Protein backbone atom coordinates (compact mmCIF):
# COMPACT_ATOMS: atom_id res chain seq x y z
CA MET A 1 5.40 18.01 36.93
CA SER A 2 5.34 21.53 35.42
CA PRO A 3 2.68 21.73 32.32
CA VAL A 4 5.88 22.55 30.21
CA GLN A 5 7.28 19.07 31.34
CA PHE A 6 4.11 17.35 30.85
CA LEU A 7 3.95 18.60 27.33
CA LYS A 8 7.66 17.36 26.58
CA ARG A 9 6.84 14.05 27.95
CA PHE A 10 3.88 13.44 26.34
CA VAL A 11 5.21 14.66 22.91
CA GLY A 12 8.15 12.55 23.28
CA SER A 13 6.10 9.14 23.92
CA VAL A 14 4.01 10.10 20.54
CA ALA A 15 5.93 11.39 18.28
CA VAL A 16 7.64 9.13 15.43
CA ASP A 17 10.68 7.29 16.28
CA LEU A 18 13.55 8.26 13.98
CA ALA A 19 16.36 5.57 15.24
CA PRO A 20 16.00 3.49 12.41
CA LEU A 21 17.44 6.26 10.24
CA ARG A 22 20.27 7.20 13.16
CA ALA A 23 21.15 3.46 13.32
CA SER A 24 21.37 2.35 9.31
CA ARG A 25 22.81 4.09 6.08
CA ASP A 26 21.48 1.94 4.09
CA TYR A 27 17.90 2.17 5.55
CA ARG A 28 18.24 6.08 5.33
CA TRP A 29 19.09 5.28 1.15
CA LEU A 30 16.22 2.78 0.98
CA LEU A 31 13.83 4.92 2.47
CA SER A 32 14.88 8.14 0.43
CA ALA A 33 14.63 5.67 -2.60
CA GLN A 34 11.36 4.62 -1.67
CA SER A 35 9.73 7.97 -1.04
CA ILE A 36 10.71 9.78 -4.39
CA SER A 37 9.54 6.58 -6.57
CA SER A 38 6.28 6.51 -4.19
CA LEU A 39 5.36 10.28 -5.52
CA GLY A 40 5.83 9.58 -8.83
CA SER A 41 3.33 6.26 -8.52
CA SER A 42 0.93 8.17 -6.60
CA ILE A 43 0.67 10.85 -9.45
CA THR A 44 0.17 8.16 -11.90
CA TYR A 45 -2.41 6.55 -9.50
CA VAL A 46 -4.78 9.82 -9.96
CA VAL A 47 -3.86 10.22 -13.60
CA LEU A 48 -4.32 6.83 -15.08
CA PRO A 49 -7.68 6.39 -13.89
CA TRP A 50 -8.48 9.79 -14.56
CA GLN A 51 -7.21 9.55 -18.10
CA ILE A 52 -9.43 5.98 -18.46
CA TYR A 53 -12.67 8.01 -17.06
CA GLN A 54 -12.26 11.06 -19.27
CA LEU A 55 -11.67 8.91 -22.66
CA THR A 56 -14.65 6.59 -21.83
CA ARG A 57 -16.94 7.89 -19.11
CA SER A 58 -17.31 4.43 -17.70
CA SER A 59 -16.37 3.86 -13.91
CA VAL A 60 -17.02 0.50 -14.48
CA LEU A 61 -13.78 0.42 -17.14
CA VAL A 62 -11.71 2.38 -14.23
CA GLY A 63 -12.71 -0.38 -12.08
CA LEU A 64 -11.67 -3.05 -14.49
CA VAL A 65 -7.98 -1.71 -14.53
CA GLY A 66 -7.91 -3.61 -11.64
CA VAL A 67 -8.63 -6.94 -12.94
CA ALA A 68 -6.15 -6.31 -15.85
CA GLU A 69 -3.59 -6.01 -13.26
CA PHE A 70 -4.83 -8.56 -10.93
CA VAL A 71 -3.16 -11.73 -12.83
CA PRO A 72 0.26 -10.52 -13.43
CA MET A 73 0.25 -8.77 -9.76
CA LEU A 74 -0.49 -12.32 -8.78
CA VAL A 75 1.89 -14.58 -10.65
CA MET A 76 4.85 -11.95 -10.35
CA ALA A 77 4.23 -11.55 -6.47
CA LEU A 78 4.92 -15.33 -6.32
CA VAL A 79 7.95 -15.50 -8.46
CA GLY A 80 9.10 -12.29 -7.05
CA GLY A 81 8.81 -13.40 -3.62
CA ASN A 82 10.98 -16.66 -4.42
CA LEU A 83 13.75 -14.78 -6.15
CA ALA A 84 14.38 -12.61 -3.41
CA ASP A 85 15.25 -15.64 -1.61
CA ARG A 86 17.35 -16.63 -3.90
CA PHE A 87 19.12 -13.53 -5.35
CA ASP A 88 20.34 -10.13 -4.00
CA ARG A 89 17.42 -8.28 -3.27
CA ARG A 90 18.95 -4.97 -3.93
CA ARG A 91 19.46 -5.88 -7.55
CA LEU A 92 16.26 -7.18 -7.68
CA VAL A 93 14.85 -3.70 -6.74
CA ARG A 94 17.04 -1.78 -9.41
CA ILE A 95 15.74 -3.60 -11.96
CA ALA A 96 12.01 -3.17 -11.28
CA ASP A 97 11.99 0.03 -11.09
CA GLY A 98 14.04 0.47 -13.99
CA GLY A 99 11.04 -1.32 -15.91
CA LEU A 100 8.81 0.64 -14.10
CA GLY A 101 10.80 4.04 -15.38
CA LEU A 102 10.28 2.59 -18.90
CA VAL A 103 6.46 1.74 -18.26
CA ALA A 104 5.97 5.52 -17.70
CA VAL A 105 7.77 6.55 -20.74
CA LEU A 106 5.73 4.15 -22.97
CA LEU A 107 2.45 5.41 -21.05
CA MET A 108 3.38 9.18 -21.83
CA ALA A 109 4.08 8.48 -25.42
CA ASN A 110 0.28 7.45 -25.41
CA ALA A 111 -0.73 10.26 -24.10
CA LEU A 112 1.13 12.69 -26.24
CA ARG A 113 -0.89 10.69 -29.13
CA ALA A 114 -4.20 12.65 -30.88
CA ALA A 115 -6.38 10.04 -29.99
CA PRO A 116 -4.93 8.10 -26.63
CA SER A 117 -5.48 4.37 -27.21
CA VAL A 118 -7.45 2.54 -23.78
CA PRO A 119 -6.36 -0.84 -24.79
CA VAL A 120 -2.67 0.42 -24.81
CA ILE A 121 -3.25 1.84 -21.01
CA PHE A 122 -4.60 -1.42 -19.88
CA VAL A 123 -1.48 -3.38 -21.36
CA LEU A 124 0.89 -0.67 -19.73
CA ALA A 125 -1.18 -0.73 -16.51
CA SER A 126 -0.74 -4.65 -16.42
CA LEU A 127 3.13 -4.12 -16.88
CA SER A 128 3.51 -2.00 -14.20
CA ALA A 129 1.21 -4.11 -11.86
CA ALA A 130 4.08 -7.07 -12.68
CA LEU A 131 7.26 -4.74 -12.41
CA SER A 132 5.76 -3.74 -9.06
CA ALA A 133 4.76 -7.16 -8.00
CA LEU A 134 8.52 -8.11 -8.23
CA ALA A 135 10.03 -5.49 -6.47
CA ARG A 136 7.93 -5.41 -3.42
CA PRO A 137 8.76 -8.47 -1.73
CA ALA A 138 12.55 -7.84 -2.14
CA ARG A 139 12.00 -4.37 -1.38
CA ASP A 140 10.29 -5.47 1.94
CA SER A 141 12.41 -8.19 2.98
CA MET A 142 15.84 -5.82 3.06
CA VAL A 143 14.28 -3.71 5.88
CA PRO A 144 14.81 -6.72 8.19
CA ARG A 145 18.52 -6.75 6.89
CA ILE A 146 19.52 -3.34 7.13
CA VAL A 147 17.69 -2.35 10.36
CA PRO A 148 18.30 -3.81 13.82
CA ALA A 149 15.17 -6.35 15.13
CA ASP A 150 14.34 -3.94 18.19
CA LEU A 151 13.07 -1.04 15.78
CA MET A 152 11.18 -2.89 13.39
CA SER A 153 7.51 -1.06 14.67
CA ALA A 154 9.77 2.09 13.97
CA ALA A 155 10.75 1.59 10.66
CA ALA A 156 7.07 0.27 9.69
CA ALA A 157 5.98 3.79 11.39
CA LEU A 158 8.65 5.58 9.05
CA GLY A 159 7.43 3.54 6.06
CA SER A 160 4.01 4.55 6.76
CA LEU A 161 4.70 8.22 6.95
CA VAL A 162 6.65 8.67 3.72
CA TYR A 163 3.56 6.66 1.96
CA SER A 164 1.28 9.11 3.93
CA LEU A 165 3.57 12.22 2.43
CA SER A 166 4.07 11.12 -1.43
CA TRP A 167 0.45 10.04 -1.16
CA VAL A 168 -0.34 13.62 0.17
CA ALA A 169 1.90 15.53 -2.01
CA GLY A 170 1.33 13.18 -5.57
CA PRO A 171 -2.47 13.37 -5.79
CA ALA A 172 -2.50 16.96 -4.75
CA VAL A 173 0.08 17.80 -7.89
CA ALA A 174 -2.21 15.08 -9.96
CA GLY A 175 -4.89 17.45 -9.51
CA LEU A 176 -3.16 20.55 -10.73
CA ILE A 177 -1.83 17.94 -13.56
CA VAL A 178 -4.54 17.20 -15.24
CA ALA A 179 -6.32 20.18 -15.22
CA ARG A 180 -3.64 22.28 -16.58
CA LEU A 181 -0.78 20.45 -17.91
CA GLY A 182 -2.45 16.87 -19.37
CA PRO A 183 -1.72 13.16 -18.03
CA ALA A 184 1.70 12.94 -20.62
CA PHE A 185 3.59 15.23 -18.07
CA GLY A 186 2.34 13.39 -14.89
CA PHE A 187 3.61 10.09 -16.32
CA GLY A 188 7.02 12.06 -17.27
CA VAL A 189 7.39 12.93 -13.82
CA ASP A 190 6.93 9.43 -12.58
CA ALA A 191 9.49 7.85 -15.17
CA VAL A 192 11.54 10.46 -13.32
CA SER A 193 11.22 9.95 -10.09
CA TYR A 194 12.09 5.65 -10.98
CA LEU A 195 14.95 7.08 -12.57
CA ALA A 196 15.86 8.88 -9.45
CA SER A 197 15.32 5.78 -7.22
CA VAL A 198 17.43 3.39 -9.05
CA LEU A 199 20.48 5.83 -8.22
CA MET A 200 19.74 6.01 -4.78
CA LEU A 201 19.40 2.04 -4.39
CA SER A 202 22.64 1.98 -5.96
CA MET A 203 24.19 3.44 -2.91
CA ILE A 204 23.26 0.36 -0.77
CA ARG A 205 25.34 -2.43 -0.20
CA PRO A 206 24.79 -5.84 -1.68
CA LEU A 207 22.31 -8.08 0.28
CA PRO A 208 22.97 -11.65 -1.45
CA PRO A 209 20.70 -14.60 0.09
CA ARG A 210 22.06 -16.08 3.41
CA ASP A 211 20.70 -19.21 2.09
CA PRO A 212 22.18 -19.71 -1.74
CA GLY A 213 22.02 -22.89 -2.15
CA GLY A 214 17.87 -23.17 -1.89
CA SER A 215 15.66 -23.90 -4.54
CA ILE A 216 13.76 -21.47 -7.04
CA GLY A 217 10.98 -23.99 -7.96
CA TRP A 218 7.74 -25.02 -6.94
CA SER A 219 8.95 -26.99 -3.86
CA ALA A 220 10.27 -23.29 -2.47
CA LEU A 221 7.15 -21.72 -3.14
CA VAL A 222 5.30 -24.30 -1.22
CA GLN A 223 7.88 -24.18 1.63
CA GLY A 224 6.56 -20.74 2.34
CA TRP A 225 2.74 -21.40 2.19
CA ARG A 226 3.04 -24.26 4.38
CA TYR A 227 4.92 -22.03 7.00
CA ALA A 228 2.36 -19.44 6.61
CA ALA A 229 -0.51 -22.23 6.90
CA SER A 230 1.04 -22.65 10.13
CA ARG A 231 0.96 -19.89 11.71
CA GLN A 232 -2.71 -18.34 12.42
CA GLU A 233 -1.32 -14.97 13.32
CA LEU A 234 0.17 -14.54 9.82
CA ILE A 235 -3.26 -15.75 8.21
CA GLY A 236 -5.15 -13.76 9.77
CA THR A 237 -2.83 -10.31 8.84
CA TYR A 238 -3.80 -11.61 5.42
CA VAL A 239 -7.69 -12.08 5.04
CA ILE A 240 -7.97 -8.83 7.41
CA ASP A 241 -6.31 -6.74 4.75
CA MET A 242 -8.42 -8.72 1.71
CA ASN A 243 -11.43 -8.38 3.41
CA ALA A 244 -10.93 -4.35 4.39
CA MET A 245 -9.97 -3.83 0.42
CA PHE A 246 -12.13 -5.69 -1.48
CA PHE A 247 -15.28 -4.42 0.19
CA GLY A 248 -14.05 -0.93 1.41
CA MET A 249 -11.74 0.06 -1.73
CA PRO A 250 -13.86 2.95 -3.44
CA MET A 251 -11.04 4.98 -5.24
CA ALA A 252 -11.77 3.34 -8.88
CA LEU A 253 -15.40 6.15 -7.83
CA PHE A 254 -13.42 8.86 -6.83
CA PRO A 255 -13.20 10.50 -10.40
CA ALA A 256 -17.41 10.03 -10.71
CA MET A 257 -17.77 11.18 -7.09
CA ALA A 258 -15.25 14.08 -7.83
CA GLU A 259 -17.59 15.62 -10.29
CA GLN A 260 -20.43 15.58 -7.58
CA PHE A 261 -18.52 17.36 -5.24
CA GLY A 262 -17.27 20.14 -7.60
CA PRO A 263 -14.37 20.47 -10.55
CA GLY A 264 -11.03 19.97 -8.96
CA THR A 265 -11.23 17.77 -6.20
CA VAL A 266 -10.24 14.55 -7.57
CA GLY A 267 -6.77 14.94 -6.18
CA LEU A 268 -8.34 15.88 -2.85
CA LEU A 269 -10.30 12.35 -2.37
CA TYR A 270 -7.03 10.77 -3.50
CA ALA A 271 -4.94 12.77 -1.01
CA MET A 272 -6.85 12.55 2.08
CA PRO A 273 -6.29 9.17 2.90
CA ALA A 274 -2.80 9.61 3.25
CA VAL A 275 -3.33 12.29 5.16
CA GLY A 276 -4.96 10.61 7.84
CA VAL A 277 -2.14 7.68 7.30
CA GLY A 278 0.22 10.88 7.68
CA LEU A 279 -1.03 12.25 11.00
CA CYS A 280 -1.21 8.93 12.41
CA SER A 281 2.43 7.95 11.35
CA LEU A 282 3.66 11.29 12.91
CA THR A 283 2.20 10.39 16.22
CA SER A 284 3.21 6.70 16.19
CA GLY A 285 5.26 6.78 19.15
CA TRP A 286 2.51 5.24 21.39
CA THR A 287 2.82 2.17 19.21
CA ALA A 288 5.44 0.63 20.59
CA LYS A 289 3.64 0.26 24.11
CA VAL A 290 1.08 -1.91 22.42
CA HIS A 291 1.81 -5.58 22.23
CA ARG A 292 -1.84 -6.91 21.45
CA HIS A 293 -1.13 -6.49 17.84
CA GLY A 294 -3.83 -9.05 16.18
CA ARG A 295 -6.61 -6.88 18.23
CA ALA A 296 -5.21 -3.78 16.96
CA VAL A 297 -5.33 -5.00 13.67
CA LEU A 298 -9.08 -6.15 13.88
CA PHE A 299 -10.35 -3.07 15.33
CA ALA A 300 -8.31 -0.45 12.93
CA ALA A 301 -9.79 -2.42 9.95
CA ALA A 302 -13.15 -2.32 11.25
CA ALA A 303 -13.00 1.36 11.60
CA TRP A 304 -11.75 1.96 8.07
CA GLY A 305 -14.90 0.29 7.50
CA ALA A 306 -16.77 2.66 9.06
CA ALA A 307 -15.33 5.34 7.97
CA ILE A 308 -15.76 4.58 4.43
CA VAL A 309 -19.93 4.34 5.75
CA GLY A 310 -19.43 7.96 6.84
CA PHE A 311 -17.80 8.83 3.16
CA GLY A 312 -20.33 7.21 0.92
CA LEU A 313 -23.33 8.85 3.14
CA ALA A 314 -21.19 12.55 2.98
CA ARG A 315 -23.45 15.25 1.36
CA SER A 316 -20.29 18.31 1.35
CA LEU A 317 -16.77 17.96 0.50
CA PRO A 318 -15.66 18.89 4.40
CA VAL A 319 -17.16 15.95 5.64
CA ALA A 320 -16.00 13.77 2.78
CA LEU A 321 -12.54 14.56 3.34
CA LEU A 322 -12.75 14.32 7.07
CA CYS A 323 -13.57 10.54 6.70
CA LEU A 324 -11.44 9.63 4.08
CA ALA A 325 -8.79 11.07 6.62
CA LEU A 326 -10.45 8.72 8.98
CA ALA A 327 -9.57 5.85 7.07
CA GLY A 328 -6.35 6.75 6.47
CA ALA A 329 -5.44 7.05 10.12
CA ALA A 330 -7.17 3.40 10.79
CA ASP A 331 -5.29 1.89 7.84
CA SER A 332 -1.85 3.07 9.21
CA VAL A 333 -2.40 1.41 12.40
CA SER A 334 -3.50 -1.74 10.79
CA GLY A 335 -0.05 -1.26 8.46
CA ILE A 336 2.24 -0.81 11.64
CA PHE A 337 1.18 -3.75 13.26
CA ARG A 338 0.81 -5.98 10.42
CA MET A 339 4.51 -5.26 9.76
CA THR A 340 5.21 -5.59 12.96
CA ILE A 341 3.61 -9.32 13.35
CA TRP A 342 5.75 -9.85 9.98
CA ASN A 343 9.10 -8.59 10.88
CA GLN A 344 8.96 -10.56 14.28
CA THR A 345 7.64 -13.97 13.19
CA ILE A 346 9.12 -14.79 9.82
CA PRO A 347 12.78 -16.09 9.52
CA ASP A 348 14.99 -14.40 7.05
CA HIS A 349 15.39 -17.65 4.68
CA LEU A 350 11.47 -17.11 4.03
CA ARG A 351 10.95 -13.15 4.05
CA GLY A 352 10.76 -13.06 0.48
CA ARG A 353 8.37 -15.77 -0.43
CA LEU A 354 6.12 -14.29 2.69
CA ALA A 355 6.39 -11.12 1.36
CA GLY A 356 5.10 -11.94 -1.72
CA ILE A 357 2.07 -13.85 0.04
CA GLU A 358 1.68 -10.97 2.11
CA GLN A 359 1.38 -9.10 -1.39
CA VAL A 360 -0.84 -10.94 -2.63
CA SER A 361 -3.02 -10.20 -0.01
CA TYR A 362 -2.25 -6.26 0.12
CA LEU A 363 -2.83 -6.08 -3.40
CA SER A 364 -5.69 -8.62 -4.39
CA GLY A 365 -7.81 -6.46 -2.36
CA PRO A 366 -7.41 -2.80 -4.07
CA TYR A 367 -7.47 -4.69 -7.64
CA LEU A 368 -10.48 -6.93 -7.36
CA GLY A 369 -11.66 -4.26 -5.16
CA ASN A 370 -12.17 -1.69 -7.54
CA ALA A 371 -13.56 -3.84 -9.94
CA GLU A 372 -16.46 -4.88 -7.34
CA ALA A 373 -16.90 -1.06 -6.77
CA GLY A 374 -17.45 -0.36 -10.31
CA LEU A 375 -19.70 -3.36 -10.95
CA VAL A 376 -22.03 -2.10 -8.01
CA ALA A 377 -21.73 1.27 -9.03
CA GLY A 378 -22.55 0.59 -12.41
CA ALA A 379 -25.67 -1.58 -11.03
CA PHE A 380 -27.10 0.63 -8.14
CA GLY A 381 -25.18 3.74 -8.09
CA VAL A 382 -21.91 5.12 -6.71
CA ARG A 383 -23.16 6.28 -3.24
CA ALA A 384 -24.60 2.76 -2.84
CA SER A 385 -21.57 1.12 -3.53
CA VAL A 386 -19.43 2.96 -1.26
CA VAL A 387 -21.82 2.38 2.15
CA SER A 388 -22.35 -1.38 1.20
CA GLY A 389 -18.51 -1.99 1.28
CA GLY A 390 -17.82 -0.24 4.21
CA VAL A 391 -20.44 -1.89 6.04
CA LEU A 392 -19.40 -5.40 4.28
CA CYS A 393 -15.71 -4.57 5.37
CA VAL A 394 -16.84 -3.87 9.30
CA VAL A 395 -19.15 -7.20 9.25
CA GLY A 396 -16.27 -9.47 7.59
CA SER A 397 -13.90 -7.87 10.56
CA ALA A 398 -15.89 -9.15 12.94
CA VAL A 399 -16.47 -12.79 11.08
CA ILE A 400 -12.54 -13.06 11.13
CA GLY A 401 -11.77 -12.21 14.37
CA ALA A 402 -14.21 -14.80 15.86
CA LEU A 403 -12.80 -17.52 13.29
CA LEU A 404 -9.30 -16.89 14.16
CA PRO A 405 -9.06 -16.59 17.72
CA ARG A 406 -5.09 -16.93 17.73
CA PHE A 407 -4.90 -13.66 15.70
CA TYR A 408 -7.17 -12.09 18.08
CA ARG A 409 -5.29 -12.69 20.90
CA TYR A 410 -1.37 -12.69 19.64
CA ASP A 411 0.55 -11.02 22.04
CA ALA A 412 4.15 -9.91 21.03
CA ARG A 413 5.14 -10.40 24.36
CA ARG A 414 4.26 -14.24 24.53
CA GLY A 415 6.13 -14.66 21.30
CA ASP A 416 5.12 -17.75 18.92
CA LEU A 417 0.96 -18.90 19.46
CA ARG A 418 0.83 -21.71 17.48
C-alpha cells in the first residue's frame, strides 16, 4: 500500500460520518435548528455570568445562578420527559424554543436599563432553565425516530460536532460583544437564533407518540425510573456525568480566572472546551469500532478531571487553554458513548421519560457544580477550587467503576447485560 493510499484509508476511518444527514431530511432540519439555537445560547451562557460578575464582583453570586436554575430544571426535566412520550415531540420543542426567545428579549430589555436588576437576571435565568428542560427530552427523543438505528453513533458524533462548533464560535463572539457592544446585544442575538430555530423545526414532519393512550401522571414517571434502575449501564451513564460535572465544572470561575490571564480572555476560556469537542468529533470515525462503551465513558470522565487539574495549575494562558481543550475532547468521547448506550437500550415509548432522567443527571452537575466551585473559591481561592474539583472527579470515576461492574463491562455486541 502506498503512503497516499494509507493516508486516504486512515482519514476515511477516523473522519466524522455524515451518513445520518444523507439518510434523513428531518434530521438535517433538526441539526440545523439545533446549531443555530446553540450558537445563540452559547453567547448568553457567557454574557449572563459576565454581566452578573460586572454588576456584583462576586464569583459566589455567579455560581449561585446555578442553584436558581436547578430547581426549575429538575421539575421540568421530569415533566418534559413525560410529555415527550405523550405528545408531538416536534411541537413541544417549538413551544419551548419560542419561550426561550421571549426570555432572551426580556434579558435584553433588563440590560438596556440604566441600572440592570440582578434579581431579574436570576428570575429569567430560572425561567430559561425550565424551558430548556422542557425542550431537551423531546429533542433528544426525536433522533431515534428520524435516524436509522445503525447510525446512532454517527448521529451522536454529529450532534457533538454541532455543539462544539456553536460553543467555539459563540463564546468567541460573546467576548467581543461584552467588550464592545454590551450584554443587551448578545441577548438580542440569542432571541433571533430561537426565532430561526422555530422556523426550521416547522419543516420537520409531525412526530406524534406511538402510544397515545398512555398516562401522563405519577405512575408514568415511576415506570421510567424503574426501567432506568433496572439497567446498571444506564445508571452508570447518569452518575458518571454528575460526578464529572459537579466536581470538575469550573465555568463559574472563568470570569475571575480571565482577570488573572488578562483582558479579553473570558471568551477564550469558555470556547476552548468546545474546541476540544470539535476536534474529537471531526475525527470520530474510530468510535464505530469501540464496543465497550461503559469502559470508554469511565476513562473519558477521568481524563476530563485530570485536564481540569492541569487547568487549575496552569500559570500561562496557552497551557490553560490547552488543558481546557483536552477536557473538551474527553467530554466529547464520554458524550458520544453515553448517547449511544441510551439510543441502543431504551424502547421508544420510554425515550422521553428516560431523556428527562438523563437531563437531570446532565444538568444537575453543571448547575450545582458551578455553585460548589463558587463557594469553594470564596473559602479557599479560585485555583484551589479548580484543582480540588478535578482531583475529586478522577477519584469519583474510579469509585463508580468499582461500584457498577456491569456498567464497566458493558459491551454493545452482547446486548442486554442485566
